[in-house]
Amino acid sequence: MRNVQYLDEMTALLMEAKPRLAATHRLEFKKCFGAVAGYINGNIFMSCGNFGIALKLPPKVLDVLFKESDVTPLKYFPNGHVKKAYAVLPRRITGDKQRFKKLLEKSINHSSSGTVKLRT
């Protein structure tokens, strides 16, 4: 049942930040290591699990984010492999509508491998 909770959390954030995302991109959700991963045009861009919300982001964006003490790289399991391309975002960022929207757009653009760029 946790996967339903993770999916609900992710879709709520996406609906608030980018309500037309599913109309402009191929959006899918799949189970991933006890979490739920969001796919855009076939590529993972977002994940939600007991760690919170994580976005896959470009290295320069990650460098800036990881300077914030409460932003961490993604680990699906406590002793698991660190997914350095993903930042786990604290509630203060996911709750900041404008900041989260900008990070989400960067994640989508980065994960789409340049196939489709978002317009705001």
N, C-alpha and C. Protein backbone atom coordinates (compact mmCIF):
# COMPACT_ATOMS: atom_id res chain seq x y z
N MET A 1 0.81 -1.21 0.00
CA MET A 1 0.00 0.00 0.00
C MET A 1 0.84 1.26 0.00
N ARG A 2 2.09 1.15 0.45
CA ARG A 2 2.94 2.34 0.43
C ARG A 2 3.12 2.90 -0.96
N ASN A 3 3.19 2.01 -1.96
CA ASN A 3 3.37 2.50 -3.32
C ASN A 3 2.24 3.42 -3.74
N VAL A 4 1.04 3.13 -3.29
CA VAL A 4 -0.11 4.00 -3.60
C VAL A 4 0.11 5.37 -2.96
N GLN A 5 0.59 5.39 -1.73
CA GLN A 5 0.87 6.65 -1.04
C GLN A 5 1.96 7.43 -1.78
N TYR A 6 3.02 6.75 -2.21
CA TYR A 6 4.10 7.43 -2.93
C TYR A 6 3.61 7.98 -4.27
N LEU A 7 2.80 7.18 -4.96
CA LEU A 7 2.24 7.63 -6.23
C LEU A 7 1.34 8.85 -6.03
N ASP A 8 0.52 8.81 -5.00
CA ASP A 8 -0.36 9.95 -4.70
C ASP A 8 0.45 11.21 -4.40
N GLU A 9 1.52 11.06 -3.62
CA GLU A 9 2.35 12.22 -3.29
C GLU A 9 3.00 12.81 -4.54
N MET A 10 3.53 11.93 -5.38
CA MET A 10 4.17 12.40 -6.60
C MET A 10 3.19 13.07 -7.54
N THR A 11 2.06 12.43 -7.76
CA THR A 11 1.10 13.00 -8.70
C THR A 11 0.53 14.32 -8.19
N ALA A 12 0.36 14.46 -6.89
CA ALA A 12 -0.12 15.73 -6.34
C ALA A 12 0.88 16.84 -6.62
N LEU A 13 2.16 16.56 -6.40
CA LEU A 13 3.20 17.56 -6.69
C LEU A 13 3.23 17.91 -8.17
N LEU A 14 3.14 16.90 -9.02
CA LEU A 14 3.17 17.14 -10.46
C LEU A 14 1.95 17.93 -10.93
N MET A 15 0.78 17.60 -10.41
CA MET A 15 -0.43 18.32 -10.80
C MET A 15 -0.37 19.78 -10.41
N GLU A 16 0.25 20.05 -9.27
CA GLU A 16 0.36 21.44 -8.82
C GLU A 16 1.39 22.20 -9.64
N ALA A 17 2.54 21.59 -9.91
CA ALA A 17 3.63 22.27 -10.58
C ALA A 17 3.47 22.29 -12.11
N LYS A 18 3.03 21.18 -12.68
CA LYS A 18 2.92 21.06 -14.15
C LYS A 18 1.64 20.29 -14.49
N PRO A 19 0.48 20.91 -14.35
CA PRO A 19 -0.79 20.19 -14.54
C PRO A 19 -0.99 19.60 -15.94
N ARG A 20 -0.32 20.12 -16.95
CA ARG A 20 -0.49 19.61 -18.32
C ARG A 20 0.63 18.67 -18.74
N LEU A 21 1.45 18.24 -17.82
CA LEU A 21 2.61 17.42 -18.16
C LEU A 21 2.23 16.15 -18.92
N ALA A 22 1.21 15.46 -18.49
CA ALA A 22 0.79 14.22 -19.15
C ALA A 22 0.23 14.48 -20.55
N ALA A 23 -0.19 15.71 -20.82
CA ALA A 23 -0.70 16.06 -22.14
C ALA A 23 0.42 16.39 -23.12
N THR A 24 1.58 16.77 -22.60
CA THR A 24 2.69 17.19 -23.46
C THR A 24 3.83 16.17 -23.53
N HIS A 25 3.83 15.21 -22.61
CA HIS A 25 4.89 14.20 -22.54
C HIS A 25 4.28 12.84 -22.22
N ARG A 26 5.01 11.79 -22.55
CA ARG A 26 4.60 10.44 -22.15
C ARG A 26 5.02 10.25 -20.70
N LEU A 27 4.06 10.21 -19.82
CA LEU A 27 4.30 10.13 -18.38
C LEU A 27 3.86 8.76 -17.87
N GLU A 28 4.77 8.07 -17.15
CA GLU A 28 4.47 6.75 -16.61
C GLU A 28 5.00 6.67 -15.18
N PHE A 29 4.45 5.74 -14.42
CA PHE A 29 4.91 5.48 -13.05
C PHE A 29 5.08 3.98 -12.88
N LYS A 30 6.21 3.59 -12.27
CA LYS A 30 6.50 2.17 -12.07
C LYS A 30 7.11 1.96 -10.69
N LYS A 31 6.91 0.75 -10.16
CA LYS A 31 7.55 0.39 -8.90
C LYS A 31 9.06 0.32 -9.11
N CYS A 32 9.80 0.74 -8.09
CA CYS A 32 11.26 0.76 -8.20
C CYS A 32 11.87 0.64 -6.80
N PHE A 33 12.37 -0.53 -6.45
CA PHE A 33 13.05 -0.76 -5.16
C PHE A 33 12.21 -0.31 -3.97
N GLY A 34 10.94 -0.66 -3.94
CA GLY A 34 10.07 -0.31 -2.84
C GLY A 34 9.57 1.13 -2.89
N ALA A 35 9.87 1.81 -3.96
CA ALA A 35 9.44 3.19 -4.16
C ALA A 35 8.65 3.23 -5.47
N VAL A 36 8.32 4.44 -5.91
CA VAL A 36 7.68 4.63 -7.20
C VAL A 36 8.53 5.61 -7.99
N ALA A 37 8.82 5.24 -9.24
CA ALA A 37 9.60 6.11 -10.11
C ALA A 37 8.70 6.71 -11.17
N GLY A 38 8.92 7.98 -11.45
CA GLY A 38 8.21 8.67 -12.52
C GLY A 38 9.08 8.69 -13.75
N TYR A 39 8.50 8.33 -14.89
CA TYR A 39 9.21 8.30 -16.16
C TYR A 39 8.63 9.35 -17.09
N ILE A 40 9.52 10.06 -17.77
CA ILE A 40 9.10 11.03 -18.77
C ILE A 40 9.70 10.58 -20.09
N ASN A 41 8.86 10.34 -21.08
CA ASN A 41 9.32 9.86 -22.38
C ASN A 41 10.26 8.66 -22.25
N GLY A 42 9.97 7.77 -21.30
CA GLY A 42 10.74 6.55 -21.13
C GLY A 42 11.93 6.63 -20.20
N ASN A 43 12.22 7.80 -19.63
CA ASN A 43 13.37 7.99 -18.75
C ASN A 43 12.94 8.40 -17.34
N ILE A 44 13.57 7.82 -16.33
CA ILE A 44 13.26 8.20 -14.94
C ILE A 44 13.67 9.65 -14.72
N PHE A 45 12.78 10.42 -14.12
CA PHE A 45 13.10 11.80 -13.77
C PHE A 45 12.80 12.10 -12.31
N MET A 46 12.06 11.23 -11.65
CA MET A 46 11.58 11.51 -10.31
C MET A 46 11.34 10.20 -9.57
N SER A 47 11.51 10.22 -8.27
CA SER A 47 11.24 9.03 -7.47
C SER A 47 10.66 9.47 -6.13
N CYS A 48 9.80 8.62 -5.58
CA CYS A 48 9.21 8.89 -4.27
C CYS A 48 9.20 7.60 -3.48
N GLY A 49 9.68 7.68 -2.25
CA GLY A 49 9.72 6.51 -1.38
C GLY A 49 9.82 6.96 0.06
N ASN A 50 10.27 6.06 0.94
CA ASN A 50 10.38 6.43 2.35
C ASN A 50 11.42 7.52 2.57
N PHE A 51 12.25 7.79 1.59
CA PHE A 51 13.24 8.86 1.64
C PHE A 51 12.63 10.22 1.34
N GLY A 52 11.47 10.25 0.71
CA GLY A 52 10.82 11.49 0.31
C GLY A 52 10.74 11.59 -1.21
N ILE A 53 10.94 12.79 -1.72
CA ILE A 53 10.89 13.05 -3.17
C ILE A 53 12.30 13.31 -3.66
N ALA A 54 12.65 12.64 -4.76
CA ALA A 54 13.97 12.84 -5.36
C ALA A 54 13.79 13.18 -6.84
N LEU A 55 14.62 14.10 -7.33
CA LEU A 55 14.62 14.46 -8.74
C LEU A 55 15.98 14.15 -9.35
N LYS A 56 15.98 13.65 -10.58
CA LYS A 56 17.22 13.48 -11.33
C LYS A 56 17.52 14.83 -11.97
N LEU A 57 18.73 15.32 -11.73
CA LEU A 57 19.07 16.67 -12.16
C LEU A 57 20.45 16.73 -12.80
N PRO A 58 20.73 17.78 -13.58
CA PRO A 58 22.06 17.94 -14.18
C PRO A 58 23.11 18.17 -13.10
N PRO A 59 24.35 17.77 -13.36
CA PRO A 59 25.43 17.90 -12.37
C PRO A 59 25.59 19.31 -11.78
N LYS A 60 25.50 20.34 -12.58
CA LYS A 60 25.68 21.71 -12.06
C LYS A 60 24.58 22.08 -11.06
N VAL A 61 23.36 21.65 -11.33
CA VAL A 61 22.24 21.92 -10.42
C VAL A 61 22.45 21.13 -9.13
N LEU A 62 22.88 19.88 -9.26
CA LEU A 62 23.14 19.05 -8.08
C LEU A 62 24.24 19.66 -7.22
N ASP A 63 25.30 20.16 -7.84
CA ASP A 63 26.40 20.77 -7.08
C ASP A 63 25.89 21.89 -6.17
N VAL A 64 25.00 22.71 -6.70
CA VAL A 64 24.44 23.82 -5.92
C VAL A 64 23.52 23.28 -4.82
N LEU A 65 22.65 22.35 -5.17
CA LEU A 65 21.71 21.81 -4.18
C LEU A 65 22.42 21.09 -3.04
N PHE A 66 23.45 20.31 -3.35
CA PHE A 66 24.12 19.53 -2.31
C PHE A 66 24.88 20.41 -1.32
N LYS A 67 25.01 21.69 -1.60
CA LYS A 67 25.61 22.62 -0.62
C LYS A 67 24.62 22.94 0.50
N GLU A 68 23.35 22.63 0.27
CA GLU A 68 22.32 22.84 1.30
C GLU A 68 22.32 21.61 2.20
N SER A 69 22.42 21.82 3.49
CA SER A 69 22.63 20.72 4.44
C SER A 69 21.53 19.67 4.45
N ASP A 70 20.31 20.03 4.06
CA ASP A 70 19.21 19.06 4.12
C ASP A 70 18.87 18.44 2.77
N VAL A 71 19.70 18.66 1.77
CA VAL A 71 19.54 18.02 0.46
C VAL A 71 20.59 16.92 0.37
N THR A 72 20.16 15.71 0.05
CA THR A 72 21.07 14.57 0.03
C THR A 72 20.93 13.78 -1.27
N PRO A 73 21.95 12.99 -1.62
CA PRO A 73 21.82 12.09 -2.76
C PRO A 73 20.83 10.97 -2.41
N LEU A 74 20.27 10.36 -3.41
CA LEU A 74 19.27 9.31 -3.22
C LEU A 74 19.92 7.98 -2.88
N LYS A 75 19.34 7.31 -1.87
CA LYS A 75 19.67 5.93 -1.52
C LYS A 75 18.33 5.23 -1.30
N TYR A 76 18.07 4.18 -2.08
CA TYR A 76 16.80 3.46 -1.91
C TYR A 76 16.78 2.65 -0.62
N PHE A 77 17.97 2.22 -0.16
CA PHE A 77 18.08 1.42 1.06
C PHE A 77 19.18 2.02 1.93
N PRO A 78 19.08 1.93 3.26
CA PRO A 78 20.09 2.54 4.16
C PRO A 78 21.53 2.14 3.82
N ASN A 79 21.76 0.90 3.48
CA ASN A 79 23.11 0.46 3.14
C ASN A 79 23.29 0.28 1.63
N GLY A 80 22.39 0.86 0.87
CA GLY A 80 22.41 0.69 -0.58
C GLY A 80 23.32 1.66 -1.30
N HIS A 81 23.37 1.47 -2.60
CA HIS A 81 24.18 2.30 -3.50
C HIS A 81 23.64 3.73 -3.53
N VAL A 82 24.53 4.70 -3.54
CA VAL A 82 24.14 6.11 -3.63
C VAL A 82 23.91 6.47 -5.10
N LYS A 83 22.74 7.00 -5.38
CA LYS A 83 22.39 7.45 -6.72
C LYS A 83 22.74 8.93 -6.82
N LYS A 84 23.96 9.22 -7.23
CA LYS A 84 24.50 10.58 -7.20
C LYS A 84 23.82 11.54 -8.16
N ALA A 85 23.09 11.04 -9.14
CA ALA A 85 22.43 11.91 -10.12
C ALA A 85 21.08 12.42 -9.62
N TYR A 86 20.69 12.01 -8.41
CA TYR A 86 19.39 12.38 -7.84
C TYR A 86 19.58 13.14 -6.54
N ALA A 87 18.76 14.17 -6.35
CA ALA A 87 18.75 14.90 -5.09
C ALA A 87 17.43 14.63 -4.38
N VAL A 88 17.52 14.23 -3.11
CA VAL A 88 16.33 14.09 -2.28
C VAL A 88 16.03 15.48 -1.72
N LEU A 89 14.85 15.95 -2.01
CA LEU A 89 14.48 17.33 -1.66
C LEU A 89 13.69 17.37 -0.36
N PRO A 90 14.07 18.27 0.54
CA PRO A 90 13.30 18.41 1.78
C PRO A 90 11.96 19.10 1.51
N ARG A 91 11.06 19.00 2.47
CA ARG A 91 9.72 19.61 2.34
C ARG A 91 9.78 21.12 2.09
N ARG A 92 10.80 21.77 2.61
CA ARG A 92 10.88 23.23 2.40
C ARG A 92 11.06 23.57 0.91
N ILE A 93 11.64 22.64 0.14
CA ILE A 93 11.79 22.85 -1.29
C ILE A 93 10.57 22.36 -2.05
N THR A 94 10.07 21.16 -1.73
CA THR A 94 8.89 20.67 -2.44
C THR A 94 7.66 21.53 -2.13
N GLY A 95 7.66 22.19 -0.98
CA GLY A 95 6.56 23.06 -0.61
C GLY A 95 6.67 24.47 -1.17
N ASP A 96 7.83 24.82 -1.70
CA ASP A 96 8.05 26.12 -2.34
C ASP A 96 7.67 25.97 -3.81
N LYS A 97 6.45 26.35 -4.15
CA LYS A 97 5.90 26.07 -5.47
C LYS A 97 6.78 26.53 -6.61
N GLN A 98 7.28 27.75 -6.55
CA GLN A 98 8.10 28.27 -7.65
C GLN A 98 9.45 27.56 -7.75
N ARG A 99 10.09 27.34 -6.62
CA ARG A 99 11.40 26.67 -6.65
C ARG A 99 11.24 25.23 -7.12
N PHE A 100 10.25 24.53 -6.60
CA PHE A 100 10.05 23.14 -7.01
C PHE A 100 9.73 23.06 -8.50
N LYS A 101 8.90 23.96 -9.00
CA LYS A 101 8.56 23.96 -10.42
C LYS A 101 9.80 24.12 -11.28
N LYS A 102 10.69 25.03 -10.90
CA LYS A 102 11.93 25.24 -11.67
C LYS A 102 12.81 23.99 -11.65
N LEU A 103 12.94 23.37 -10.48
CA LEU A 103 13.74 22.15 -10.38
C LEU A 103 13.09 21.01 -11.18
N LEU A 104 11.78 20.92 -11.12
CA LEU A 104 11.07 19.89 -11.87
C LEU A 104 11.30 20.07 -13.37
N GLU A 105 11.22 21.29 -13.85
CA GLU A 105 11.47 21.56 -15.27
C GLU A 105 12.89 21.17 -15.67
N LYS A 106 13.85 21.46 -14.81
CA LYS A 106 15.24 21.07 -15.09
C LYS A 106 15.36 19.56 -15.12
N SER A 107 14.69 18.88 -14.21
CA SER A 107 14.72 17.42 -14.17
C SER A 107 14.11 16.83 -15.44
N ILE A 108 12.97 17.33 -15.84
CA ILE A 108 12.29 16.83 -17.03
C ILE A 108 13.15 17.06 -18.27
N ASN A 109 13.67 18.26 -18.42
CA ASN A 109 14.51 18.55 -19.57
C ASN A 109 15.77 17.68 -19.60
N HIS A 110 16.40 17.52 -18.44
CA HIS A 110 17.61 16.71 -18.33
C HIS A 110 17.31 15.24 -18.63
N SER A 111 16.24 14.73 -18.08
CA SER A 111 15.89 13.32 -18.23
C SER A 111 15.32 12.99 -19.60
N SER A 112 14.76 13.98 -20.26
CA SER A 112 14.23 13.76 -21.60
C SER A 112 15.34 13.71 -22.64
N SER A 113 16.57 13.91 -22.21
CA SER A 113 17.75 13.87 -23.09
C SER A 113 17.62 14.85 -24.24
N GLY A 114 16.99 15.97 -23.95
CA GLY A 114 16.89 17.01 -24.97
C GLY A 114 15.85 16.74 -26.04
N THR A 115 15.04 15.70 -25.88
CA THR A 115 14.07 15.39 -26.94
C THR A 115 12.97 16.44 -27.02
N VAL A 116 12.52 16.92 -25.90
CA VAL A 116 11.48 17.95 -25.87
C VAL A 116 11.80 18.89 -24.72
N LYS A 117 11.90 20.16 -25.01
CA LYS A 117 12.16 21.15 -23.95
C LYS A 117 10.85 21.75 -23.50
N LEU A 118 10.73 21.95 -22.22
CA LEU A 118 9.50 22.53 -21.66
C LEU A 118 9.45 24.03 -21.89
N ARG A 119 8.26 24.50 -22.08
CA ARG A 119 8.03 25.95 -22.15
C ARG A 119 7.17 26.32 -20.97
N THR A 120 7.47 27.43 -20.35
CA THR A 120 6.65 27.87 -19.21
C THR A 120 5.68 28.93 -19.62
